[in-house]
N, C-alpha and C. Protein backbone atom coordinates (compact mmCIF):
# COMPACT_ATOMS: atom_id res chain seq x y z
N UNK A 1 17.34 -5.64 -27.63
CA UNK A 1 18.13 -5.66 -26.43
C UNK A 1 17.26 -6.19 -25.29
N UNK A 2 17.80 -7.12 -24.53
CA UNK A 2 17.08 -7.70 -23.41
C UNK A 2 17.50 -7.05 -22.10
N UNK A 3 16.80 -7.42 -21.02
CA UNK A 3 17.16 -6.88 -19.71
C UNK A 3 18.59 -7.27 -19.34
N UNK A 4 18.99 -8.49 -19.68
CA UNK A 4 20.36 -8.94 -19.40
C UNK A 4 21.38 -8.09 -20.15
N UNK A 5 21.07 -7.74 -21.40
CA UNK A 5 21.97 -6.88 -22.19
C UNK A 5 22.09 -5.50 -21.55
N UNK A 6 20.97 -4.96 -21.07
CA UNK A 6 20.98 -3.66 -20.42
C UNK A 6 21.84 -3.71 -19.16
N UNK A 7 21.67 -4.76 -18.36
CA UNK A 7 22.46 -4.91 -17.14
C UNK A 7 23.94 -5.01 -17.48
N UNK A 8 24.29 -5.78 -18.50
CA UNK A 8 25.70 -5.91 -18.90
C UNK A 8 26.28 -4.58 -19.34
N UNK A 9 25.53 -3.81 -20.13
CA UNK A 9 26.01 -2.51 -20.62
C UNK A 9 26.23 -1.54 -19.46
N UNK A 10 25.29 -1.48 -18.53
CA UNK A 10 25.41 -0.57 -17.38
C UNK A 10 26.59 -1.00 -16.51
N UNK A 11 26.72 -2.30 -16.25
CA UNK A 11 27.82 -2.79 -15.42
C UNK A 11 29.17 -2.48 -16.06
N UNK A 12 29.24 -2.63 -17.38
CA UNK A 12 30.50 -2.36 -18.09
C UNK A 12 30.84 -0.87 -18.06
N UNK A 13 29.85 -0.01 -18.25
CA UNK A 13 30.13 1.42 -18.33
C UNK A 13 30.32 2.07 -16.96
N UNK A 14 29.77 1.49 -15.89
CA UNK A 14 29.89 2.09 -14.56
C UNK A 14 30.90 1.39 -13.66
N UNK A 15 31.23 0.14 -13.96
CA UNK A 15 32.14 -0.61 -13.11
C UNK A 15 31.47 -1.21 -11.88
N UNK A 16 30.14 -1.16 -11.82
CA UNK A 16 29.38 -1.72 -10.71
C UNK A 16 29.09 -3.19 -11.02
N UNK A 17 29.03 -4.01 -9.97
CA UNK A 17 28.77 -5.44 -10.16
C UNK A 17 27.42 -5.67 -10.85
N UNK A 18 27.36 -6.73 -11.66
CA UNK A 18 26.13 -7.05 -12.39
C UNK A 18 24.96 -7.31 -11.46
N UNK A 19 25.20 -7.98 -10.35
CA UNK A 19 24.12 -8.31 -9.41
C UNK A 19 23.50 -7.03 -8.84
N UNK A 20 24.33 -6.06 -8.54
CA UNK A 20 23.83 -4.79 -8.01
C UNK A 20 23.03 -4.04 -9.06
N UNK A 21 23.56 -4.02 -10.28
CA UNK A 21 22.87 -3.35 -11.38
C UNK A 21 21.53 -4.03 -11.65
N UNK A 22 21.51 -5.35 -11.64
CA UNK A 22 20.27 -6.09 -11.86
C UNK A 22 19.22 -5.72 -10.81
N UNK A 23 19.64 -5.64 -9.53
CA UNK A 23 18.71 -5.26 -8.46
C UNK A 23 18.15 -3.86 -8.69
N UNK A 24 19.00 -2.94 -9.13
CA UNK A 24 18.55 -1.56 -9.36
C UNK A 24 17.57 -1.51 -10.54
N UNK A 25 17.89 -2.20 -11.64
CA UNK A 25 17.03 -2.21 -12.82
C UNK A 25 15.68 -2.83 -12.48
N UNK A 26 15.67 -3.95 -11.78
CA UNK A 26 14.42 -4.59 -11.40
C UNK A 26 13.60 -3.73 -10.44
N UNK A 27 14.28 -3.04 -9.51
CA UNK A 27 13.58 -2.15 -8.58
C UNK A 27 12.96 -0.98 -9.33
N UNK A 28 13.66 -0.46 -10.33
CA UNK A 28 13.12 0.65 -11.13
C UNK A 28 11.87 0.20 -11.88
N UNK A 29 11.95 -0.96 -12.52
CA UNK A 29 10.80 -1.46 -13.27
C UNK A 29 9.62 -1.74 -12.34
N UNK A 30 9.88 -2.29 -11.17
CA UNK A 30 8.81 -2.58 -10.22
C UNK A 30 8.18 -1.30 -9.70
N UNK A 31 8.99 -0.27 -9.48
CA UNK A 31 8.47 1.02 -9.03
C UNK A 31 7.58 1.65 -10.09
N UNK A 32 8.01 1.58 -11.35
CA UNK A 32 7.20 2.12 -12.44
C UNK A 32 5.88 1.36 -12.54
N UNK A 33 5.93 0.02 -12.47
CA UNK A 33 4.71 -0.78 -12.54
C UNK A 33 3.76 -0.47 -11.40
N UNK A 34 4.28 -0.39 -10.19
CA UNK A 34 3.40 -0.14 -9.05
C UNK A 34 2.79 1.26 -9.11
N UNK A 35 3.53 2.23 -9.63
CA UNK A 35 2.98 3.58 -9.80
C UNK A 35 1.85 3.57 -10.81
N UNK A 36 2.01 2.86 -11.91
CA UNK A 36 0.97 2.80 -12.93
C UNK A 36 -0.26 2.05 -12.42
N UNK A 37 -0.05 1.03 -11.61
CA UNK A 37 -1.18 0.30 -11.02
C UNK A 37 -2.01 1.24 -10.15
N UNK A 38 -1.33 2.17 -9.45
CA UNK A 38 -2.03 3.15 -8.61
C UNK A 38 -2.52 4.35 -9.43
N UNK A 39 -2.44 4.23 -10.75
CA UNK A 39 -2.86 5.27 -11.70
C UNK A 39 -2.07 6.57 -11.53
N UNK A 40 -0.79 6.44 -11.16
CA UNK A 40 0.12 7.57 -11.08
C UNK A 40 1.05 7.53 -12.27
N UNK A 41 1.15 8.62 -13.01
CA UNK A 41 2.05 8.69 -14.15
C UNK A 41 3.50 8.83 -13.68
N UNK A 42 4.44 8.36 -14.50
CA UNK A 42 5.86 8.44 -14.19
C UNK A 42 6.53 9.27 -15.27
N UNK A 43 7.21 10.35 -14.87
CA UNK A 43 7.86 11.26 -15.82
C UNK A 43 9.37 11.18 -15.64
N UNK A 44 10.08 10.78 -16.68
CA UNK A 44 11.54 10.73 -16.67
C UNK A 44 12.04 11.77 -17.66
N UNK A 45 12.44 12.93 -17.15
CA UNK A 45 12.84 14.06 -17.98
C UNK A 45 13.97 13.65 -18.95
N UNK A 46 13.79 13.97 -20.22
CA UNK A 46 14.78 13.64 -21.24
C UNK A 46 14.62 12.24 -21.82
N UNK A 47 13.78 11.41 -21.20
CA UNK A 47 13.56 10.05 -21.69
C UNK A 47 12.13 9.88 -22.16
N UNK A 48 11.16 10.11 -21.26
CA UNK A 48 9.76 9.98 -21.64
C UNK A 48 8.87 9.81 -20.44
N UNK A 49 7.62 9.54 -20.72
CA UNK A 49 6.61 9.42 -19.67
C UNK A 49 5.87 8.09 -19.82
N UNK A 50 5.69 7.43 -18.68
CA UNK A 50 4.84 6.26 -18.61
C UNK A 50 3.51 6.76 -18.06
N UNK A 51 2.45 6.63 -18.84
CA UNK A 51 1.17 7.18 -18.43
C UNK A 51 0.09 6.10 -18.49
N UNK A 52 -0.96 6.32 -17.70
CA UNK A 52 -2.11 5.42 -17.70
C UNK A 52 -3.19 6.06 -18.56
N UNK A 53 -3.66 5.32 -19.56
CA UNK A 53 -4.73 5.82 -20.43
C UNK A 53 -6.00 5.03 -20.15
N UNK A 54 -7.12 5.73 -20.18
CA UNK A 54 -8.42 5.07 -20.01
C UNK A 54 -8.99 4.71 -21.37
N UNK A 55 -9.41 3.48 -21.50
CA UNK A 55 -10.13 3.04 -22.70
C UNK A 55 -11.61 3.06 -22.37
N UNK A 56 -12.38 3.70 -23.21
CA UNK A 56 -13.82 3.80 -22.98
C UNK A 56 -14.51 2.45 -23.20
N UNK A 57 -15.68 2.31 -22.62
CA UNK A 57 -16.48 1.10 -22.86
C UNK A 57 -16.86 1.04 -24.32
N UNK A 58 -16.85 -0.17 -24.88
CA UNK A 58 -17.23 -0.30 -26.28
C UNK A 58 -17.96 -1.62 -26.52
N UNK A 59 -18.64 -1.66 -27.64
CA UNK A 59 -19.37 -2.85 -28.05
C UNK A 59 -18.54 -3.58 -29.09
N UNK A 60 -18.42 -4.89 -28.93
CA UNK A 60 -17.66 -5.70 -29.88
C UNK A 60 -18.49 -6.92 -30.25
N UNK A 61 -18.00 -7.68 -31.23
CA UNK A 61 -18.73 -8.88 -31.67
C UNK A 61 -17.87 -10.11 -31.46
N UNK A 62 -18.51 -11.17 -30.97
CA UNK A 62 -17.89 -12.47 -30.89
C UNK A 62 -18.31 -13.19 -32.17
N UNK A 63 -17.42 -13.25 -33.14
CA UNK A 63 -17.77 -13.77 -34.46
C UNK A 63 -18.14 -15.25 -34.42
N UNK A 64 -17.44 -16.04 -33.60
CA UNK A 64 -17.72 -17.47 -33.56
C UNK A 64 -19.12 -17.79 -33.03
N UNK A 65 -19.61 -17.00 -32.07
CA UNK A 65 -20.94 -17.24 -31.51
C UNK A 65 -21.98 -16.29 -32.09
N UNK A 66 -21.54 -15.33 -32.90
CA UNK A 66 -22.40 -14.32 -33.51
C UNK A 66 -23.21 -13.57 -32.45
N UNK A 67 -22.50 -13.12 -31.43
CA UNK A 67 -23.14 -12.36 -30.36
C UNK A 67 -22.42 -11.04 -30.16
N UNK A 68 -23.11 -10.12 -29.52
CA UNK A 68 -22.53 -8.82 -29.18
C UNK A 68 -22.07 -8.87 -27.73
N UNK A 69 -20.88 -8.35 -27.47
CA UNK A 69 -20.39 -8.29 -26.09
C UNK A 69 -20.00 -6.85 -25.77
N UNK A 70 -20.05 -6.53 -24.50
CA UNK A 70 -19.65 -5.20 -24.03
C UNK A 70 -18.28 -5.33 -23.38
N UNK A 71 -17.33 -4.55 -23.86
CA UNK A 71 -16.01 -4.50 -23.25
C UNK A 71 -16.02 -3.30 -22.31
N UNK A 72 -15.85 -3.52 -21.01
CA UNK A 72 -15.96 -2.42 -20.05
C UNK A 72 -14.79 -1.43 -20.16
N UNK A 73 -14.99 -0.26 -19.58
CA UNK A 73 -13.93 0.73 -19.51
C UNK A 73 -12.77 0.15 -18.72
N UNK A 74 -11.54 0.39 -19.19
CA UNK A 74 -10.37 -0.14 -18.50
C UNK A 74 -9.15 0.76 -18.75
N UNK A 75 -8.12 0.57 -17.94
CA UNK A 75 -6.88 1.34 -18.06
C UNK A 75 -5.83 0.51 -18.78
N UNK A 76 -4.97 1.22 -19.55
CA UNK A 76 -3.84 0.56 -20.19
C UNK A 76 -2.60 1.42 -19.98
N UNK A 77 -1.42 0.79 -19.83
CA UNK A 77 -0.19 1.57 -19.72
C UNK A 77 0.26 2.03 -21.10
N UNK A 78 0.91 3.19 -21.13
CA UNK A 78 1.37 3.74 -22.39
C UNK A 78 2.69 4.47 -22.15
N UNK A 79 3.54 4.54 -23.18
CA UNK A 79 4.80 5.27 -23.08
C UNK A 79 4.83 6.36 -24.12
N UNK A 80 5.17 7.56 -23.71
CA UNK A 80 5.31 8.68 -24.63
C UNK A 80 6.74 9.18 -24.53
N UNK A 81 7.55 9.01 -25.58
CA UNK A 81 8.95 9.44 -25.51
C UNK A 81 9.07 10.96 -25.45
N UNK A 82 10.15 11.43 -24.81
CA UNK A 82 10.43 12.86 -24.74
C UNK A 82 10.81 13.38 -26.12
N UNK A 83 10.63 14.67 -26.32
CA UNK A 83 10.92 15.29 -27.62
C UNK A 83 12.39 15.10 -27.99
N UNK A 84 13.30 15.30 -27.04
CA UNK A 84 14.73 15.14 -27.32
C UNK A 84 15.06 13.69 -27.67
N UNK A 85 14.37 12.74 -27.04
CA UNK A 85 14.56 11.32 -27.34
C UNK A 85 14.11 11.01 -28.76
N UNK A 86 12.96 11.56 -29.13
CA UNK A 86 12.44 11.34 -30.49
C UNK A 86 13.40 11.89 -31.54
N UNK A 87 13.97 13.05 -31.29
CA UNK A 87 14.91 13.66 -32.25
C UNK A 87 16.13 12.76 -32.43
N UNK A 88 16.66 12.19 -31.34
CA UNK A 88 17.83 11.32 -31.43
C UNK A 88 17.52 10.04 -32.20
N UNK A 89 16.34 9.48 -32.01
CA UNK A 89 15.98 8.24 -32.69
C UNK A 89 15.75 8.47 -34.19
N UNK A 90 15.23 9.64 -34.55
CA UNK A 90 14.94 9.92 -35.95
C UNK A 90 16.19 10.10 -36.80
N UNK A 91 17.34 10.35 -36.19
CA UNK A 91 18.57 10.57 -36.96
C UNK A 91 19.00 9.36 -37.72
């Protein structure tokens, strides 16, 4: 399902114009992204949590040059579904 499909489904089920729904969906995604950039987790009860995870520094190999490189510590976004969401998907 794409963002356009989500907008169409919401517009159909609520009776709100597609343009308005698109603005709301994009604003929600932008708010979630900006919160994660500020290292703030986002909790949506009954759906799941968008959290920032820290990856530790590690040593890796560049096989083509046969050298060792250091990958610095960095943050990555992650999604953890709610328990009720997981139960519905497993059915």
